[in-house]
Amino acid sequence: MPRSQKQQRQDNAGSSARREDIHQAQLEQQLEDAVIHTNEIAKSLQPKATKSAYKPKQKEFKEWCKEKGFSRITRYQVTGKKLNLFLQEKVSIIFIYAKR
């Protein structure tokens, strides 16, 4: 029994939409892969002295974020507001005591 033209058009439209979804997913994956690749290159080019200088500070920031109870999803994401509060609470104290 032959299919109607309407059924064929619907099937073609559905198939086209699925191909578009797959294409968009592939593009998103390419974008994610490119970001990861760029980060890996930047990390490999960073001097060892820089890594050792910043590692303790990064650890302190992460511990502070955890203590503050920021959402686990964005806990370690650096934002202007979060960095400002961290600097006021942690770094400014160091400068105050150092000046005394």
N, C-alpha and C. Protein backbone atom coordinates (compact mmCIF):
# COMPACT_ATOMS: atom_id res chain seq x y z
N MET A 1 0.85 -1.16 0.00
CA MET A 1 0.00 0.00 0.00
C MET A 1 0.90 1.23 0.00
N PRO A 2 0.78 2.10 -0.99
CA PRO A 2 1.64 3.28 -1.08
C PRO A 2 1.32 4.29 0.01
N ARG A 3 2.37 4.95 0.44
CA ARG A 3 2.18 5.98 1.47
C ARG A 3 1.71 7.26 0.82
N SER A 4 0.98 8.03 1.59
CA SER A 4 0.47 9.29 1.05
C SER A 4 1.61 10.31 0.97
N GLN A 5 1.42 11.30 0.13
CA GLN A 5 2.43 12.35 0.00
C GLN A 5 2.60 13.10 1.32
N LYS A 6 1.52 13.23 2.05
CA LYS A 6 1.58 13.92 3.35
C LYS A 6 2.48 13.15 4.31
N GLN A 7 2.33 11.83 4.36
CA GLN A 7 3.17 11.01 5.23
C GLN A 7 4.64 11.10 4.82
N GLN A 8 4.89 11.11 3.52
CA GLN A 8 6.26 11.22 3.03
C GLN A 8 6.87 12.56 3.41
N ARG A 9 6.09 13.64 3.29
CA ARG A 9 6.59 14.97 3.67
C ARG A 9 6.89 15.03 5.16
N GLN A 10 6.00 14.43 5.97
CA GLN A 10 6.23 14.42 7.42
C GLN A 10 7.49 13.63 7.76
N ASP A 11 7.67 12.50 7.12
CA ASP A 11 8.87 11.69 7.36
C ASP A 11 10.12 12.46 6.95
N ASN A 12 10.07 13.12 5.81
CA ASN A 12 11.22 13.90 5.34
C ASN A 12 11.51 15.06 6.28
N ALA A 13 10.46 15.71 6.77
CA ALA A 13 10.66 16.83 7.71
C ALA A 13 11.27 16.33 9.01
N GLY A 14 10.80 15.20 9.50
CA GLY A 14 11.35 14.63 10.73
C GLY A 14 12.80 14.23 10.56
N SER A 15 13.10 13.63 9.43
CA SER A 15 14.47 13.22 9.14
C SER A 15 15.39 14.43 9.02
N SER A 16 14.89 15.48 8.39
CA SER A 16 15.67 16.71 8.24
C SER A 16 15.93 17.35 9.60
N ALA A 17 14.92 17.35 10.46
CA ALA A 17 15.08 17.93 11.80
C ALA A 17 16.10 17.13 12.61
N ARG A 18 16.06 15.81 12.49
CA ARG A 18 17.03 14.97 13.21
C ARG A 18 18.45 15.23 12.72
N ARG A 19 18.61 15.38 11.40
CA ARG A 19 19.94 15.68 10.86
C ARG A 19 20.43 17.03 11.38
N GLU A 20 19.53 18.00 11.45
CA GLU A 20 19.90 19.33 11.96
C GLU A 20 20.30 19.25 13.43
N ASP A 21 19.55 18.48 14.23
CA ASP A 21 19.89 18.30 15.64
C ASP A 21 21.26 17.66 15.80
N ILE A 22 21.53 16.65 14.99
CA ILE A 22 22.83 15.97 15.04
C ILE A 22 23.94 16.94 14.65
N HIS A 23 23.69 17.72 13.61
CA HIS A 23 24.68 18.69 13.16
C HIS A 23 24.98 19.72 14.26
N GLN A 24 23.93 20.22 14.91
CA GLN A 24 24.11 21.21 15.98
C GLN A 24 24.88 20.60 17.15
N ALA A 25 24.58 19.35 17.48
CA ALA A 25 25.30 18.67 18.57
C ALA A 25 26.77 18.50 18.21
N GLN A 26 27.05 18.19 16.95
CA GLN A 26 28.44 18.05 16.51
C GLN A 26 29.17 19.39 16.59
N LEU A 27 28.49 20.47 16.21
CA LEU A 27 29.10 21.80 16.31
C LEU A 27 29.41 22.16 17.76
N GLU A 28 28.46 21.88 18.65
CA GLU A 28 28.68 22.15 20.07
C GLU A 28 29.88 21.37 20.59
N GLN A 29 30.00 20.12 20.16
CA GLN A 29 31.13 19.30 20.59
C GLN A 29 32.44 19.87 20.07
N GLN A 30 32.44 20.35 18.82
CA GLN A 30 33.64 20.97 18.26
C GLN A 30 34.03 22.21 19.08
N LEU A 31 33.04 23.01 19.45
CA LEU A 31 33.32 24.20 20.25
C LEU A 31 33.92 23.82 21.60
N GLU A 32 33.34 22.83 22.25
CA GLU A 32 33.86 22.37 23.55
C GLU A 32 35.28 21.83 23.40
N ASP A 33 35.51 21.03 22.38
CA ASP A 33 36.85 20.48 22.14
C ASP A 33 37.87 21.59 21.90
N ALA A 34 37.46 22.63 21.17
CA ALA A 34 38.37 23.74 20.88
C ALA A 34 38.74 24.49 22.16
N VAL A 35 37.78 24.68 23.05
CA VAL A 35 38.06 25.35 24.32
C VAL A 35 39.02 24.52 25.16
N ILE A 36 38.78 23.24 25.24
CA ILE A 36 39.66 22.35 26.01
C ILE A 36 41.07 22.38 25.43
N HIS A 37 41.17 22.32 24.12
CA HIS A 37 42.48 22.34 23.46
C HIS A 37 43.22 23.65 23.75
N THR A 38 42.52 24.77 23.66
CA THR A 38 43.13 26.07 23.93
C THR A 38 43.61 26.14 25.38
N ASN A 39 42.80 25.66 26.31
CA ASN A 39 43.20 25.67 27.72
C ASN A 39 44.43 24.80 27.96
N GLU A 40 44.48 23.66 27.29
CA GLU A 40 45.65 22.78 27.45
C GLU A 40 46.92 23.44 26.92
N ILE A 41 46.81 24.12 25.79
CA ILE A 41 47.97 24.82 25.23
C ILE A 41 48.42 25.92 26.18
N ALA A 42 47.46 26.72 26.66
CA ALA A 42 47.81 27.82 27.56
C ALA A 42 48.47 27.29 28.83
N LYS A 43 47.94 26.20 29.36
CA LYS A 43 48.50 25.61 30.57
C LYS A 43 49.92 25.09 30.34
N SER A 44 50.15 24.49 29.19
CA SER A 44 51.48 23.95 28.90
C SER A 44 52.52 25.05 28.68
N LEU A 45 52.07 26.22 28.26
CA LEU A 45 52.99 27.33 28.01
C LEU A 45 53.27 28.17 29.25
N GLN A 46 52.51 27.93 30.30
CA GLN A 46 52.68 28.72 31.52
C GLN A 46 53.99 28.33 32.21
N PRO A 47 54.82 29.30 32.55
CA PRO A 47 56.08 28.99 33.22
C PRO A 47 55.86 28.28 34.56
N LYS A 48 56.79 27.41 34.92
CA LYS A 48 56.66 26.68 36.18
C LYS A 48 56.62 27.61 37.38
N ALA A 49 57.37 28.70 37.32
CA ALA A 49 57.37 29.65 38.43
C ALA A 49 55.99 30.26 38.63
N THR A 50 55.29 30.50 37.54
CA THR A 50 53.93 31.04 37.64
C THR A 50 53.01 30.03 38.29
N LYS A 51 53.13 28.77 37.86
CA LYS A 51 52.30 27.71 38.43
C LYS A 51 52.52 27.61 39.93
N SER A 52 53.78 27.58 40.35
CA SER A 52 54.06 27.42 41.78
C SER A 52 53.68 28.66 42.57
N ALA A 53 53.73 29.82 41.94
CA ALA A 53 53.37 31.06 42.64
C ALA A 53 51.86 31.15 42.85
N TYR A 54 51.09 30.71 41.88
CA TYR A 54 49.63 30.87 41.96
C TYR A 54 48.91 29.70 42.61
N LYS A 55 49.52 28.53 42.61
CA LYS A 55 48.84 27.35 43.12
C LYS A 55 48.33 27.52 44.56
N PRO A 56 49.15 28.01 45.50
CA PRO A 56 48.65 28.19 46.87
C PRO A 56 47.50 29.20 46.95
N LYS A 57 47.57 30.24 46.13
CA LYS A 57 46.51 31.25 46.14
C LYS A 57 45.22 30.69 45.57
N GLN A 58 45.34 29.86 44.54
CA GLN A 58 44.16 29.23 43.97
C GLN A 58 43.53 28.27 44.98
N LYS A 59 44.37 27.55 45.69
CA LYS A 59 43.88 26.62 46.71
C LYS A 59 43.14 27.39 47.80
N GLU A 60 43.70 28.51 48.22
CA GLU A 60 43.05 29.33 49.25
C GLU A 60 41.69 29.83 48.76
N PHE A 61 41.62 30.26 47.50
CA PHE A 61 40.37 30.74 46.94
C PHE A 61 39.33 29.62 46.90
N LYS A 62 39.75 28.43 46.49
CA LYS A 62 38.82 27.30 46.42
C LYS A 62 38.31 26.91 47.80
N GLU A 63 39.20 26.90 48.79
CA GLU A 63 38.78 26.58 50.16
C GLU A 63 37.79 27.63 50.67
N TRP A 64 38.06 28.90 50.38
CA TRP A 64 37.17 29.98 50.79
C TRP A 64 35.80 29.82 50.13
N CYS A 65 35.79 29.49 48.84
CA CYS A 65 34.52 29.30 48.13
C CYS A 65 33.70 28.18 48.77
N LYS A 66 34.39 27.10 49.14
CA LYS A 66 33.71 25.97 49.77
C LYS A 66 33.16 26.36 51.13
N GLU A 67 33.97 27.07 51.92
CA GLU A 67 33.54 27.53 53.24
C GLU A 67 32.32 28.45 53.15
N LYS A 68 32.30 29.31 52.13
CA LYS A 68 31.19 30.26 51.97
C LYS A 68 29.91 29.55 51.56
N GLY A 69 30.03 28.36 50.99
CA GLY A 69 28.85 27.60 50.60
C GLY A 69 28.27 27.97 49.24
N PHE A 70 29.14 28.41 48.33
CA PHE A 70 28.66 28.70 46.98
C PHE A 70 28.14 27.42 46.34
N SER A 71 27.21 27.57 45.42
CA SER A 71 26.62 26.44 44.70
C SER A 71 27.72 25.55 44.13
N ARG A 72 27.54 24.24 44.25
CA ARG A 72 28.55 23.31 43.74
C ARG A 72 28.76 23.46 42.24
N ILE A 73 27.74 23.87 41.53
CA ILE A 73 27.84 23.99 40.07
C ILE A 73 28.80 25.11 39.68
N THR A 74 28.73 26.24 40.39
CA THR A 74 29.56 27.39 40.03
C THR A 74 30.53 27.76 41.15
N ARG A 75 30.76 26.83 42.05
CA ARG A 75 31.56 27.13 43.25
C ARG A 75 32.90 27.78 42.94
N TYR A 76 33.64 27.24 42.01
CA TYR A 76 34.99 27.74 41.77
C TYR A 76 35.07 28.70 40.58
N GLN A 77 33.92 29.06 40.04
CA GLN A 77 33.89 30.02 38.94
C GLN A 77 34.23 31.40 39.50
N VAL A 78 35.20 32.06 38.89
CA VAL A 78 35.62 33.37 39.37
C VAL A 78 34.75 34.44 38.72
N THR A 79 34.09 35.22 39.56
CA THR A 79 33.31 36.37 39.08
C THR A 79 33.86 37.61 39.76
N GLY A 80 33.52 38.76 39.22
CA GLY A 80 33.99 40.01 39.81
C GLY A 80 33.52 40.16 41.25
N LYS A 81 32.25 39.87 41.50
CA LYS A 81 31.69 40.02 42.84
C LYS A 81 32.35 39.05 43.83
N LYS A 82 32.51 37.82 43.39
CA LYS A 82 33.10 36.80 44.27
C LYS A 82 34.55 37.15 44.57
N LEU A 83 35.29 37.57 43.56
CA LEU A 83 36.69 37.93 43.75
C LEU A 83 36.82 39.14 44.67
N ASN A 84 35.93 40.12 44.50
CA ASN A 84 35.95 41.31 45.35
C ASN A 84 35.74 40.93 46.81
N LEU A 85 34.76 40.08 47.07
CA LEU A 85 34.50 39.67 48.45
C LEU A 85 35.68 38.89 49.02
N PHE A 86 36.25 38.00 48.22
CA PHE A 86 37.42 37.23 48.65
C PHE A 86 38.57 38.17 49.02
N LEU A 87 38.83 39.14 48.16
CA LEU A 87 39.92 40.08 48.42
C LEU A 87 39.66 40.88 49.69
N GLN A 88 38.43 41.31 49.89
CA GLN A 88 38.11 42.07 51.10
C GLN A 88 38.26 41.22 52.35
N GLU A 89 37.80 39.99 52.29
CA GLU A 89 37.82 39.14 53.48
C GLU A 89 39.19 38.52 53.76
N LYS A 90 39.93 38.19 52.73
CA LYS A 90 41.18 37.47 52.93
C LYS A 90 42.42 38.32 52.70
N VAL A 91 42.50 38.97 51.57
CA VAL A 91 43.72 39.68 51.20
C VAL A 91 43.84 41.00 51.92
N SER A 92 42.76 41.74 52.05
CA SER A 92 42.81 43.04 52.74
C SER A 92 43.26 42.88 54.18
N ILE A 93 42.88 41.79 54.81
CA ILE A 93 43.29 41.52 56.19
C ILE A 93 44.81 41.41 56.26
N ILE A 94 45.39 40.77 55.29
CA ILE A 94 46.85 40.63 55.26
C ILE A 94 47.52 41.99 55.18
N PHE A 95 47.00 42.88 54.33
CA PHE A 95 47.57 44.21 54.19
C PHE A 95 47.41 45.04 55.46
N ILE A 96 46.28 44.90 56.12
CA ILE A 96 46.05 45.65 57.36
C ILE A 96 47.06 45.24 58.42
N TYR A 97 47.25 43.92 58.60
CA TYR A 97 48.19 43.45 59.60
C TYR A 97 49.63 43.74 59.20
N ALA A 98 49.91 43.74 57.92
CA ALA A 98 51.28 44.00 57.46
C ALA A 98 51.67 45.45 57.70
N LYS A 99 50.71 46.37 57.65
CA LYS A 99 51.01 47.79 57.84
C LYS A 99 51.19 48.16 59.31
N ARG A 100 50.70 47.36 60.20
CA ARG A 100 50.79 47.68 61.64
C ARG A 100 52.14 47.44 62.20
